[in-house]
Amino acid sequence: ESGGGLVQAGGSLRLSCAASRGTY
């Protein structure tokens, strides 16, 4: 997972979940 962090209320974030192995 990536893309987390600190944001103020009302803000936006986009999280990503990437497969680094076992992509098939």
mmCIF file of all heavy atoms, coordinates in Angstrom:
data_MODEL
# 
_entry.id   MODEL 
# 
loop_
_atom_site.group_PDB 
_atom_site.id 
_atom_site.type_symbol 
_atom_site.label_atom_id 
_atom_site.label_alt_id 
_atom_site.label_comp_id 
_atom_site.label_asym_id 
_atom_site.label_entity_id 
_atom_site.label_seq_id 
_atom_site.pdbx_PDB_ins_code 
_atom_site.Cartn_x 
_atom_site.Cartn_y 
_atom_site.Cartn_z 
_atom_site.occupancy 
_atom_site.B_iso_or_equiv 
_atom_site.pdbx_formal_charge 
_atom_site.auth_seq_id 
_atom_site.auth_comp_id 
_atom_site.auth_asym_id 
_atom_site.auth_atom_id 
_atom_site.pdbx_PDB_model_num 
ATOM 1   N N   . GLU A 1 1  ? 0.831   -1.194  0.000   1.00 0.00 ? 1  GLU A N   1 
ATOM 2   C CA  . GLU A 1 1  ? 0.000   0.000   0.000   1.00 0.00 ? 1  GLU A CA  1 
ATOM 3   C C   . GLU A 1 1  ? 0.870   1.251   0.000   1.00 0.00 ? 1  GLU A C   1 
ATOM 4   O O   . GLU A 1 1  ? 1.981   1.246   0.547   1.00 0.00 ? 1  GLU A O   1 
ATOM 5   C CB  . GLU A 1 1  ? -0.911  0.057   1.229   1.00 0.00 ? 1  GLU A CB  1 
ATOM 6   C CG  . GLU A 1 1  ? -1.901  -1.092  1.358   1.00 0.00 ? 1  GLU A CG  1 
ATOM 7   C CD  . GLU A 1 1  ? -1.421  -2.164  2.306   1.00 0.00 ? 1  GLU A CD  1 
ATOM 8   O OE1 . GLU A 1 1  ? -0.196  -2.266  2.520   1.00 0.00 ? 1  GLU A OE1 1 
ATOM 9   O OE2 . GLU A 1 1  ? -2.266  -2.910  2.830   1.00 0.00 ? 1  GLU A OE2 1 
ATOM 10  N N   . SER A 1 2  ? 0.347   2.310   -0.591  1.00 0.00 ? 2  SER A N   1 
ATOM 11  C CA  . SER A 1 2  ? 1.029   3.601   -0.575  1.00 0.00 ? 2  SER A CA  1 
ATOM 12  C C   . SER A 1 2  ? -0.009  4.711   -0.694  1.00 0.00 ? 2  SER A C   1 
ATOM 13  O O   . SER A 1 2  ? -1.176  4.437   -1.008  1.00 0.00 ? 2  SER A O   1 
ATOM 14  C CB  . SER A 1 2  ? 2.052   3.705   -1.715  1.00 0.00 ? 2  SER A CB  1 
ATOM 15  O OG  . SER A 1 2  ? 1.408   3.594   -2.971  1.00 0.00 ? 2  SER A OG  1 
ATOM 16  N N   . GLY A 1 3  ? 0.432   5.937   -0.443  1.00 0.00 ? 3  GLY A N   1 
ATOM 17  C CA  . GLY A 1 3  ? -0.441  7.091   -0.625  1.00 0.00 ? 3  GLY A CA  1 
ATOM 18  C C   . GLY A 1 3  ? -1.070  7.636   0.641   1.00 0.00 ? 3  GLY A C   1 
ATOM 19  O O   . GLY A 1 3  ? -1.820  8.611   0.588   1.00 0.00 ? 3  GLY A O   1 
ATOM 20  N N   . GLY A 1 4  ? -0.785  7.016   1.772   1.00 0.00 ? 4  GLY A N   1 
ATOM 21  C CA  . GLY A 1 4  ? -1.360  7.515   3.009   1.00 0.00 ? 4  GLY A CA  1 
ATOM 22  C C   . GLY A 1 4  ? -0.662  8.770   3.480   1.00 0.00 ? 4  GLY A C   1 
ATOM 23  O O   . GLY A 1 4  ? 0.259   9.284   2.832   1.00 0.00 ? 4  GLY A O   1 
ATOM 24  N N   . GLY A 1 5  ? -1.122  9.272   4.628   1.00 0.00 ? 5  GLY A N   1 
ATOM 25  C CA  . GLY A 1 5  ? -0.502  10.454  5.187   1.00 0.00 ? 5  GLY A CA  1 
ATOM 26  C C   . GLY A 1 5  ? -1.457  11.239  6.043   1.00 0.00 ? 5  GLY A C   1 
ATOM 27  O O   . GLY A 1 5  ? -2.489  10.730  6.480   1.00 0.00 ? 5  GLY A O   1 
ATOM 28  N N   . LEU A 1 6  ? -1.080  12.492  6.276   1.00 0.00 ? 6  LEU A N   1 
ATOM 29  C CA  . LEU A 1 6  ? -1.865  13.411  7.109   1.00 0.00 ? 6  LEU A CA  1 
ATOM 30  C C   . LEU A 1 6  ? -2.582  14.400  6.204   1.00 0.00 ? 6  LEU A C   1 
ATOM 31  O O   . LEU A 1 6  ? -1.966  15.013  5.319   1.00 0.00 ? 6  LEU A O   1 
ATOM 32  C CB  . LEU A 1 6  ? -0.933  14.140  8.074   1.00 0.00 ? 6  LEU A CB  1 
ATOM 33  C CG  . LEU A 1 6  ? -1.553  15.256  8.927   1.00 0.00 ? 6  LEU A CG  1 
ATOM 34  C CD1 . LEU A 1 6  ? -2.597  14.686  9.873   1.00 0.00 ? 6  LEU A CD1 1 
ATOM 35  C CD2 . LEU A 1 6  ? -0.455  15.992  9.687   1.00 0.00 ? 6  LEU A CD2 1 
ATOM 36  N N   . VAL A 1 7  ? -3.876  14.565  6.449   1.00 0.00 ? 7  VAL A N   1 
ATOM 37  C CA  . VAL A 1 7  ? -4.675  15.493  5.649   1.00 0.00 ? 7  VAL A CA  1 
ATOM 38  C C   . VAL A 1 7  ? -5.693  16.163  6.555   1.00 0.00 ? 7  VAL A C   1 
ATOM 39  O O   . VAL A 1 7  ? -6.105  15.584  7.571   1.00 0.00 ? 7  VAL A O   1 
ATOM 40  C CB  . VAL A 1 7  ? -5.363  14.743  4.478   1.00 0.00 ? 7  VAL A CB  1 
ATOM 41  C CG1 . VAL A 1 7  ? -6.372  13.730  5.002   1.00 0.00 ? 7  VAL A CG1 1 
ATOM 42  C CG2 . VAL A 1 7  ? -6.008  15.697  3.495   1.00 0.00 ? 7  VAL A CG2 1 
ATOM 43  N N   . GLN A 1 8  ? -6.079  17.357  6.208   1.00 0.00 ? 8  GLN A N   1 
ATOM 44  C CA  . GLN A 1 8  ? -7.099  18.055  6.982   1.00 0.00 ? 8  GLN A CA  1 
ATOM 45  C C   . GLN A 1 8  ? -8.491  17.548  6.619   1.00 0.00 ? 8  GLN A C   1 
ATOM 46  O O   . GLN A 1 8  ? -8.716  17.055  5.501   1.00 0.00 ? 8  GLN A O   1 
ATOM 47  C CB  . GLN A 1 8  ? -7.017  19.555  6.724   1.00 0.00 ? 8  GLN A CB  1 
ATOM 48  C CG  . GLN A 1 8  ? -5.807  20.222  7.351   1.00 0.00 ? 8  GLN A CG  1 
ATOM 49  C CD  . GLN A 1 8  ? -5.874  21.737  7.253   1.00 0.00 ? 8  GLN A CD  1 
ATOM 50  O OE1 . GLN A 1 8  ? -6.469  22.284  6.327   1.00 0.00 ? 8  GLN A OE1 1 
ATOM 51  N NE2 . GLN A 1 8  ? -5.256  22.409  8.205   1.00 0.00 ? 8  GLN A NE2 1 
ATOM 52  N N   . ALA A 1 9  ? -9.409  17.698  7.541   1.00 0.00 ? 9  ALA A N   1 
ATOM 53  C CA  . ALA A 1 9  ? -10.797 17.318  7.277   1.00 0.00 ? 9  ALA A CA  1 
ATOM 54  C C   . ALA A 1 9  ? -11.294 18.044  6.026   1.00 0.00 ? 9  ALA A C   1 
ATOM 55  O O   . ALA A 1 9  ? -11.008 19.226  5.823   1.00 0.00 ? 9  ALA A O   1 
ATOM 56  C CB  . ALA A 1 9  ? -11.666 17.657  8.469   1.00 0.00 ? 9  ALA A CB  1 
ATOM 57  N N   . GLY A 1 10 ? -12.005 17.307  5.202   1.00 0.00 ? 10 GLY A N   1 
ATOM 58  C CA  . GLY A 1 10 ? -12.481 17.839  3.930   1.00 0.00 ? 10 GLY A CA  1 
ATOM 59  C C   . GLY A 1 10 ? -11.536 17.598  2.772   1.00 0.00 ? 10 GLY A C   1 
ATOM 60  O O   . GLY A 1 10 ? -11.899 17.822  1.613   1.00 0.00 ? 10 GLY A O   1 
ATOM 61  N N   . GLY A 1 11 ? -10.331 17.156  3.086   1.00 0.00 ? 11 GLY A N   1 
ATOM 62  C CA  . GLY A 1 11 ? -9.337  16.911  2.055   1.00 0.00 ? 11 GLY A CA  1 
ATOM 63  C C   . GLY A 1 11 ? -9.490  15.563  1.406   1.00 0.00 ? 11 GLY A C   1 
ATOM 64  O O   . GLY A 1 11 ? -10.436 14.811  1.679   1.00 0.00 ? 11 GLY A O   1 
ATOM 65  N N   . SER A 1 12 ? -8.541  15.249  0.518   1.00 0.00 ? 12 SER A N   1 
ATOM 66  C CA  . SER A 1 12 ? -8.581  14.010  -0.263  1.00 0.00 ? 12 SER A CA  1 
ATOM 67  C C   . SER A 1 12 ? -7.239  13.301  -0.224  1.00 0.00 ? 12 SER A C   1 
ATOM 68  O O   . SER A 1 12 ? -6.183  13.930  -0.050  1.00 0.00 ? 12 SER A O   1 
ATOM 69  C CB  . SER A 1 12 ? -8.931  14.329  -1.722  1.00 0.00 ? 12 SER A CB  1 
ATOM 70  O OG  . SER A 1 12 ? -10.180 14.954  -1.831  1.00 0.00 ? 12 SER A OG  1 
ATOM 71  N N   . LEU A 1 13 ? -7.307  12.007  -0.399  1.00 0.00 ? 13 LEU A N   1 
ATOM 72  C CA  . LEU A 1 13 ? -6.117  11.171  -0.551  1.00 0.00 ? 13 LEU A CA  1 
ATOM 73  C C   . LEU A 1 13 ? -6.450  10.055  -1.529  1.00 0.00 ? 13 LEU A C   1 
ATOM 74  O O   . LEU A 1 13 ? -7.609  9.627   -1.613  1.00 0.00 ? 13 LEU A O   1 
ATOM 75  C CB  . LEU A 1 13 ? -5.687  10.537  0.779   1.00 0.00 ? 13 LEU A CB  1 
ATOM 76  C CG  . LEU A 1 13 ? -4.925  11.375  1.801   1.00 0.00 ? 13 LEU A CG  1 
ATOM 77  C CD1 . LEU A 1 13 ? -4.740  10.565  3.079   1.00 0.00 ? 13 LEU A CD1 1 
ATOM 78  C CD2 . LEU A 1 13 ? -3.591  11.835  1.254   1.00 0.00 ? 13 LEU A CD2 1 
ATOM 79  N N   . ARG A 1 14 ? -5.439  9.574   -2.233  1.00 0.00 ? 14 ARG A N   1 
ATOM 80  C CA  . ARG A 1 14 ? -5.611  8.392   -3.053  1.00 0.00 ? 14 ARG A CA  1 
ATOM 81  C C   . ARG A 1 14 ? -4.638  7.317   -2.595  1.00 0.00 ? 14 ARG A C   1 
ATOM 82  O O   . ARG A 1 14 ? -3.414  7.513   -2.663  1.00 0.00 ? 14 ARG A O   1 
ATOM 83  C CB  . ARG A 1 14 ? -5.390  8.678   -4.537  1.00 0.00 ? 14 ARG A CB  1 
ATOM 84  C CG  . ARG A 1 14 ? -5.776  7.482   -5.409  1.00 0.00 ? 14 ARG A CG  1 
ATOM 85  C CD  . ARG A 1 14 ? -5.625  7.741   -6.890  1.00 0.00 ? 14 ARG A CD  1 
ATOM 86  N NE  . ARG A 1 14 ? -4.243  7.658   -7.339  1.00 0.00 ? 14 ARG A NE  1 
ATOM 87  C CZ  . ARG A 1 14 ? -3.883  7.455   -8.607  1.00 0.00 ? 14 ARG A CZ  1 
ATOM 88  N NH1 . ARG A 1 14 ? -4.809  7.315   -9.534  1.00 0.00 ? 14 ARG A NH1 1 
ATOM 89  N NH2 . ARG A 1 14 ? -2.610  7.416   -8.925  1.00 0.00 ? 14 ARG A NH2 1 
ATOM 90  N N   . LEU A 1 15 ? -5.185  6.219   -2.135  1.00 0.00 ? 15 LEU A N   1 
ATOM 91  C CA  . LEU A 1 15 ? -4.365  5.083   -1.736  1.00 0.00 ? 15 LEU A CA  1 
ATOM 92  C C   . LEU A 1 15 ? -4.177  4.154   -2.930  1.00 0.00 ? 15 LEU A C   1 
ATOM 93  O O   . LEU A 1 15 ? -5.070  4.005   -3.762  1.00 0.00 ? 15 LEU A O   1 
ATOM 94  C CB  . LEU A 1 15 ? -5.028  4.318   -0.594  1.00 0.00 ? 15 LEU A CB  1 
ATOM 95  C CG  . LEU A 1 15 ? -5.355  5.109   0.672   1.00 0.00 ? 15 LEU A CG  1 
ATOM 96  C CD1 . LEU A 1 15 ? -5.941  4.169   1.721   1.00 0.00 ? 15 LEU A CD1 1 
ATOM 97  C CD2 . LEU A 1 15 ? -4.146  5.840   1.202   1.00 0.00 ? 15 LEU A CD2 1 
ATOM 98  N N   . SER A 1 16 ? -3.019  3.527   -2.970  1.00 0.00 ? 16 SER A N   1 
ATOM 99  C CA  . SER A 1 16 ? -2.729  2.534   -3.999  1.00 0.00 ? 16 SER A CA  1 
ATOM 100 C C   . SER A 1 16 ? -2.382  1.206   -3.340  1.00 0.00 ? 16 SER A C   1 
ATOM 101 O O   . SER A 1 16 ? -1.759  1.177   -2.277  1.00 0.00 ? 16 SER A O   1 
ATOM 102 C CB  . SER A 1 16 ? -1.553  2.983   -4.873  1.00 0.00 ? 16 SER A CB  1 
ATOM 103 O OG  . SER A 1 16 ? -1.856  4.168   -5.563  1.00 0.00 ? 16 SER A OG  1 
ATOM 104 N N   . CYS A 1 17 ? -2.779  0.140   -3.983  1.00 0.00 ? 17 CYS A N   1 
ATOM 105 C CA  . CYS A 1 17 ? -2.443  -1.210  -3.548  1.00 0.00 ? 17 CYS A CA  1 
ATOM 106 C C   . CYS A 1 17 ? -1.838  -1.901  -4.762  1.00 0.00 ? 17 CYS A C   1 
ATOM 107 O O   . CYS A 1 17 ? -2.554  -2.226  -5.721  1.00 0.00 ? 17 CYS A O   1 
ATOM 108 C CB  . CYS A 1 17 ? -3.699  -1.936  -3.081  1.00 0.00 ? 17 CYS A CB  1 
ATOM 109 S SG  . CYS A 1 17 ? -3.483  -3.687  -2.735  1.00 0.00 ? 17 CYS A SG  1 
ATOM 110 N N   . ALA A 1 18 ? -0.541  -2.100  -4.725  1.00 0.00 ? 18 ALA A N   1 
ATOM 111 C CA  . ALA A 1 18 ? 0.164   -2.666  -5.873  1.00 0.00 ? 18 ALA A CA  1 
ATOM 112 C C   . ALA A 1 18 ? 0.639   -4.083  -5.567  1.00 0.00 ? 18 ALA A C   1 
ATOM 113 O O   . ALA A 1 18 ? 1.127   -4.352  -4.473  1.00 0.00 ? 18 ALA A O   1 
ATOM 114 C CB  . ALA A 1 18 ? 1.344   -1.785  -6.248  1.00 0.00 ? 18 ALA A CB  1 
ATOM 115 N N   . ALA A 1 19 ? 0.498   -4.945  -6.552  1.00 0.00 ? 19 ALA A N   1 
ATOM 116 C CA  . ALA A 1 19 ? 1.017   -6.307  -6.428  1.00 0.00 ? 19 ALA A CA  1 
ATOM 117 C C   . ALA A 1 19 ? 2.447   -6.323  -6.935  1.00 0.00 ? 19 ALA A C   1 
ATOM 118 O O   . ALA A 1 19 ? 2.708   -6.040  -8.110  1.00 0.00 ? 19 ALA A O   1 
ATOM 119 C CB  . ALA A 1 19 ? 0.159   -7.276  -7.225  1.00 0.00 ? 19 ALA A CB  1 
ATOM 120 N N   . SER A 1 20 ? 3.371   -6.632  -6.043  1.00 0.00 ? 20 SER A N   1 
ATOM 121 C CA  . SER A 1 20 ? 4.773   -6.675  -6.441  1.00 0.00 ? 20 SER A CA  1 
ATOM 122 C C   . SER A 1 20 ? 5.212   -8.085  -6.822  1.00 0.00 ? 20 SER A C   1 
ATOM 123 O O   . SER A 1 20 ? 6.236   -8.266  -7.484  1.00 0.00 ? 20 SER A O   1 
ATOM 124 C CB  . SER A 1 20 ? 5.668   -6.143  -5.311  1.00 0.00 ? 20 SER A CB  1 
ATOM 125 O OG  . SER A 1 20 ? 5.496   -6.935  -4.149  1.00 0.00 ? 20 SER A OG  1 
ATOM 126 N N   . ARG A 1 21 ? 4.448   -9.076  -6.410  1.00 0.00 ? 21 ARG A N   1 
ATOM 127 C CA  . ARG A 1 21 ? 4.667   -10.469 -6.794  1.00 0.00 ? 21 ARG A CA  1 
ATOM 128 C C   . ARG A 1 21 ? 3.307   -11.127 -6.994  1.00 0.00 ? 21 ARG A C   1 
ATOM 129 O O   . ARG A 1 21 ? 2.329   -10.705 -6.406  1.00 0.00 ? 21 ARG A O   1 
ATOM 130 C CB  . ARG A 1 21 ? 5.439   -11.234 -5.708  1.00 0.00 ? 21 ARG A CB  1 
ATOM 131 C CG  . ARG A 1 21 ? 6.901   -10.921 -5.633  1.00 0.00 ? 21 ARG A CG  1 
ATOM 132 C CD  . ARG A 1 21 ? 7.651   -11.949 -4.817  1.00 0.00 ? 21 ARG A CD  1 
ATOM 133 N NE  . ARG A 1 21 ? 6.913   -12.450 -3.674  1.00 0.00 ? 21 ARG A NE  1 
ATOM 134 C CZ  . ARG A 1 21 ? 7.437   -13.240 -2.750  1.00 0.00 ? 21 ARG A CZ  1 
ATOM 135 N NH1 . ARG A 1 21 ? 8.693   -13.590 -2.840  1.00 0.00 ? 21 ARG A NH1 1 
ATOM 136 N NH2 . ARG A 1 21 ? 6.723   -13.672 -1.747  1.00 0.00 ? 21 ARG A NH2 1 
ATOM 137 N N   . GLY A 1 22 ? 3.283   -12.169 -7.807  1.00 0.00 ? 22 GLY A N   1 
ATOM 138 C CA  . GLY A 1 22 ? 2.023   -12.850 -8.031  1.00 0.00 ? 22 GLY A CA  1 
ATOM 139 C C   . GLY A 1 22 ? 1.056   -12.029 -8.853  1.00 0.00 ? 22 GLY A C   1 
ATOM 140 O O   . GLY A 1 22 ? -0.149  -12.054 -8.603  1.00 0.00 ? 22 GLY A O   1 
ATOM 141 N N   . THR A 1 23 ? 1.558   -11.294 -9.829  1.00 0.00 ? 23 THR A N   1 
ATOM 142 C CA  . THR A 1 23 ? 0.697   -10.374 -10.576 1.00 0.00 ? 23 THR A CA  1 
ATOM 143 C C   . THR A 1 23 ? -0.342  -11.118 -11.415 1.00 0.00 ? 23 THR A C   1 
ATOM 144 O O   . THR A 1 23 ? -1.439  -10.601 -11.626 1.00 0.00 ? 23 THR A O   1 
ATOM 145 C CB  . THR A 1 23 ? 1.546   -9.459  -11.469 1.00 0.00 ? 23 THR A CB  1 
ATOM 146 O OG1 . THR A 1 23 ? 2.357   -10.264 -12.325 1.00 0.00 ? 23 THR A OG1 1 
ATOM 147 C CG2 . THR A 1 23 ? 2.441   -8.559  -10.622 1.00 0.00 ? 23 THR A CG2 1 
ATOM 148 N N   . TYR A 1 24 ? 0.000   -12.307 -11.880 1.00 0.00 ? 24 TYR A N   1 
ATOM 149 C CA  . TYR A 1 24 ? -0.979  -13.090 -12.656 1.00 0.00 ? 24 TYR A CA  1 
ATOM 150 C C   . TYR A 1 24 ? -2.166  -13.446 -11.770 1.00 0.00 ? 24 TYR A C   1 
ATOM 151 O O   . TYR A 1 24 ? -3.327  -13.279 -12.157 1.00 0.00 ? 24 TYR A O   1 
ATOM 152 C CB  . TYR A 1 24 ? -0.336  -14.360 -13.205 1.00 0.00 ? 24 TYR A CB  1 
ATOM 153 C CG  . TYR A 1 24 ? -1.297  -15.258 -13.949 1.00 0.00 ? 24 TYR A CG  1 
ATOM 154 C CD1 . TYR A 1 24 ? -1.633  -14.993 -15.279 1.00 0.00 ? 24 TYR A CD1 1 
ATOM 155 C CD2 . TYR A 1 24 ? -1.891  -16.360 -13.334 1.00 0.00 ? 24 TYR A CD2 1 
ATOM 156 C CE1 . TYR A 1 24 ? -2.513  -15.806 -15.965 1.00 0.00 ? 24 TYR A CE1 1 
ATOM 157 C CE2 . TYR A 1 24 ? -2.770  -17.172 -14.008 1.00 0.00 ? 24 TYR A CE2 1 
ATOM 158 C CZ  . TYR A 1 24 ? -3.071  -16.896 -15.325 1.00 0.00 ? 24 TYR A CZ  1 
ATOM 159 O OH  . TYR A 1 24 ? -3.967  -17.704 -15.997 1.00 0.00 ? 24 TYR A OH  1 
# 
